[in-house]
Amino acid sequence: MGVDVSRLSPWAQKQIAQKIAAQIRDKAENQATKKNKYHNTPTDREAEDGKRIRFDSKREAARYDELMLLLKAGKIRELKLQPQFTLQEAYTTPEGNRVRAIRYDADFSYELFCEAIIAPDGGGTWIAKVEDVKSKATKTRVYAIKKKLMREKFGIDIQEVE
């Protein structure tokens, strides 16, 4: 809904222009100084292919560095960033209402070589692992429920990295 300011006096037009400019300036300043919800600092890393990867926190980026070393050493394989697990499929109620799927986005998933579990060929075996970098603030009730659903549906215990 617009207002025709051309009908107003020059003094009123100038006052409105100043007010709008101040609002735009304040909004830009707030955007620049806006804090993240969990007070984390987004951090970039360079992938093997030269692309930039942005992580939500410094701790998550540091964990990525650790996992890349393990990958290069052959201790892990199939490293995936931000894998998504569907905990409950979407459905439509009898009344016709659409209910969205429940999904869990982990930070990392990979397979870890374990020599303690002997495979049929006599060597070790690979075990699926799912990791999430967590702080006290990010261990929410929703996360706790999704963690239980991951255990129930996939038999996977989420490993929390602090």
Protein backbone atom coordinates (compact mmCIF):
# COMPACT_ATOMS: atom_id res chain seq x y z
CA MET A 1 0.00 0.00 0.00
CA GLY A 2 1.79 3.09 -1.23
CA VAL A 3 1.29 6.72 -0.33
CA ASP A 4 1.51 9.52 -2.88
CA VAL A 5 4.01 11.88 -1.21
CA SER A 6 3.96 14.29 -4.14
CA ARG A 7 0.81 15.87 -2.68
CA LEU A 8 2.66 16.71 0.55
CA SER A 9 4.62 19.85 1.20
CA PRO A 10 8.36 19.92 0.37
CA TRP A 11 9.11 20.01 4.10
CA ALA A 12 7.05 16.83 4.70
CA GLN A 13 8.62 15.09 1.68
CA LYS A 14 12.11 15.86 3.00
CA GLN A 15 11.18 14.54 6.45
CA ILE A 16 9.81 11.29 4.98
CA ALA A 17 12.94 10.81 2.82
CA GLN A 18 15.18 11.28 5.90
CA LYS A 19 13.09 8.79 7.90
CA ILE A 20 13.29 6.15 5.14
CA ALA A 21 17.05 6.67 4.74
CA ALA A 22 17.52 6.23 8.51
CA GLN A 23 15.50 3.00 8.48
CA ILE A 24 17.56 1.61 5.60
CA ARG A 25 20.81 2.57 7.36
CA ASP A 26 19.67 1.00 10.66
CA LYS A 27 18.64 -2.20 8.93
CA ALA A 28 22.03 -2.49 7.20
CA GLU A 29 23.87 -1.92 10.50
CA ASN A 30 21.76 -4.55 12.27
CA GLN A 31 22.44 -7.07 9.51
CA ALA A 32 26.20 -6.48 9.79
CA THR A 33 26.29 -6.90 13.58
CA LYS A 34 23.68 -9.68 13.84
CA LYS A 35 24.78 -12.51 16.13
CA ASN A 36 24.21 -16.16 15.30
CA LYS A 37 21.61 -18.00 17.34
CA TYR A 38 24.21 -20.16 19.12
CA HIS A 39 27.02 -17.55 19.00
CA ASN A 40 29.01 -19.67 16.54
CA THR A 41 31.34 -18.36 13.86
CA PRO A 42 30.79 -19.72 10.34
CA THR A 43 34.08 -20.99 8.93
CA ASP A 44 35.21 -21.88 5.40
CA ARG A 45 37.45 -24.71 4.26
CA GLU A 46 38.76 -25.68 0.84
CA ALA A 47 37.72 -29.13 -0.40
CA GLU A 48 39.89 -31.52 -2.39
CA ASP A 49 38.34 -30.27 -5.65
CA GLY A 50 39.12 -26.63 -4.80
CA LYS A 51 35.56 -25.66 -3.89
CA ARG A 52 34.83 -23.72 -0.72
CA ILE A 53 32.85 -25.45 2.02
CA ARG A 54 31.12 -23.34 4.66
CA PHE A 55 30.68 -24.88 8.12
CA ASP A 56 28.31 -23.56 10.77
CA SER A 57 31.05 -23.32 13.39
CA LYS A 58 34.79 -23.39 13.94
CA ARG A 59 34.42 -26.67 15.83
CA GLU A 60 32.60 -28.31 12.91
CA ALA A 61 35.33 -27.14 10.51
CA ALA A 62 38.02 -28.51 12.86
CA ARG A 63 36.22 -31.87 12.99
CA TYR A 64 36.13 -31.89 9.18
CA ASP A 65 39.92 -31.40 9.15
CA GLU A 66 40.33 -34.37 11.55
CA LEU A 67 38.06 -36.58 9.44
CA MET A 68 39.93 -35.67 6.25
CA LEU A 69 43.19 -36.82 7.87
CA LEU A 70 41.53 -40.12 8.85
CA LEU A 71 40.17 -40.48 5.30
CA LYS A 72 43.61 -39.95 3.77
CA ALA A 73 45.11 -42.45 6.24
CA GLY A 74 42.53 -45.07 5.22
CA LYS A 75 40.97 -45.34 8.68
CA ILE A 76 37.56 -44.19 7.38
CA ARG A 77 35.79 -44.19 4.00
CA GLU A 78 32.61 -42.83 2.39
CA LEU A 79 32.81 -39.49 4.21
CA LYS A 80 29.65 -37.44 3.60
CA LEU A 81 28.90 -33.90 4.70
CA GLN A 82 25.38 -32.97 5.85
CA PRO A 83 23.78 -36.37 5.09
CA GLN A 84 20.02 -36.35 5.44
CA PHE A 85 17.98 -39.14 7.03
CA THR A 86 14.21 -39.40 6.67
CA LEU A 87 12.86 -40.42 10.06
CA GLN A 88 9.20 -40.40 9.03
CA GLU A 89 7.80 -40.18 5.53
CA ALA A 90 5.34 -37.45 4.57
CA TYR A 91 1.68 -38.45 4.50
CA THR A 92 -1.83 -37.10 4.00
CA THR A 93 -4.41 -37.32 6.79
CA PRO A 94 -7.91 -38.66 6.10
CA GLU A 95 -9.10 -35.02 6.19
CA GLY A 96 -6.75 -34.21 3.31
CA ASN A 97 -4.10 -32.31 5.30
CA ARG A 98 -0.52 -32.86 4.14
CA VAL A 99 1.98 -33.67 6.91
CA ARG A 100 5.62 -33.03 6.05
CA ALA A 101 8.31 -35.66 6.48
CA ILE A 102 10.54 -35.55 9.56
CA ARG A 103 14.19 -35.39 8.57
CA TYR A 104 17.46 -35.32 10.47
CA ASP A 105 20.49 -33.55 9.01
CA ALA A 106 23.71 -34.85 10.51
CA ASP A 107 27.03 -33.04 10.26
CA PHE A 108 29.01 -36.06 9.02
CA SER A 109 28.59 -39.73 8.18
CA TYR A 110 31.28 -42.22 7.27
CA GLU A 111 32.36 -45.83 7.62
CA LEU A 112 34.99 -46.65 10.24
CA PHE A 113 37.28 -49.68 9.88
CA CYS A 114 37.07 -51.89 12.94
CA GLU A 115 39.55 -54.74 13.39
CA ALA A 116 37.79 -56.00 16.54
CA ILE A 117 34.83 -57.26 14.51
CA ILE A 118 36.13 -60.04 12.31
CA ALA A 119 34.64 -60.31 8.83
CA PRO A 120 34.12 -63.64 7.04
CA ASP A 121 37.33 -63.05 5.06
CA GLY A 122 39.32 -62.88 8.31
CA GLY A 123 39.94 -59.12 8.31
CA GLY A 124 38.10 -56.31 10.01
CA THR A 125 34.82 -54.78 8.98
CA TRP A 126 33.45 -51.33 8.21
CA ILE A 127 30.90 -49.79 10.62
CA ALA A 128 28.57 -46.91 9.71
CA LYS A 129 29.02 -43.82 11.91
CA VAL A 130 26.98 -40.63 12.12
CA GLU A 131 28.39 -37.57 13.88
CA ASP A 132 26.97 -34.27 15.01
CA VAL A 133 29.05 -31.45 16.47
CA LYS A 134 27.10 -30.35 19.54
CA SER A 135 27.35 -27.80 22.31
CA LYS A 136 25.14 -27.57 25.35
CA ALA A 137 22.98 -24.97 23.59
CA THR A 138 22.40 -27.10 20.49
CA LYS A 139 21.24 -30.19 22.41
CA THR A 140 17.60 -29.21 22.07
CA ARG A 141 14.48 -31.27 22.80
CA VAL A 142 13.87 -31.67 19.07
CA TYR A 143 17.41 -32.99 18.62
CA ALA A 144 16.90 -35.47 21.48
CA ILE A 145 13.73 -36.80 19.83
CA LYS A 146 15.43 -37.11 16.43
CA LYS A 147 18.36 -38.89 18.05
CA LYS A 148 15.96 -41.48 19.50
CA LEU A 149 14.21 -41.87 16.15
CA MET A 150 17.58 -42.47 14.42
CA ARG A 151 18.28 -45.29 16.89
CA GLU A 152 14.78 -46.72 16.42
CA LYS A 153 14.57 -46.59 12.62
CA PHE A 154 18.17 -47.10 11.47
CA GLY A 155 19.84 -48.64 14.54
CA ILE A 156 22.38 -45.80 14.46
CA ASP A 157 23.60 -44.05 17.59
CA ILE A 158 24.58 -40.47 16.81
CA GLN A 159 28.06 -39.75 18.05
CA GLU A 160 28.17 -36.27 19.55
CA VAL A 161 31.40 -34.36 19.12
CA GLU A 162 31.89 -31.49 21.55
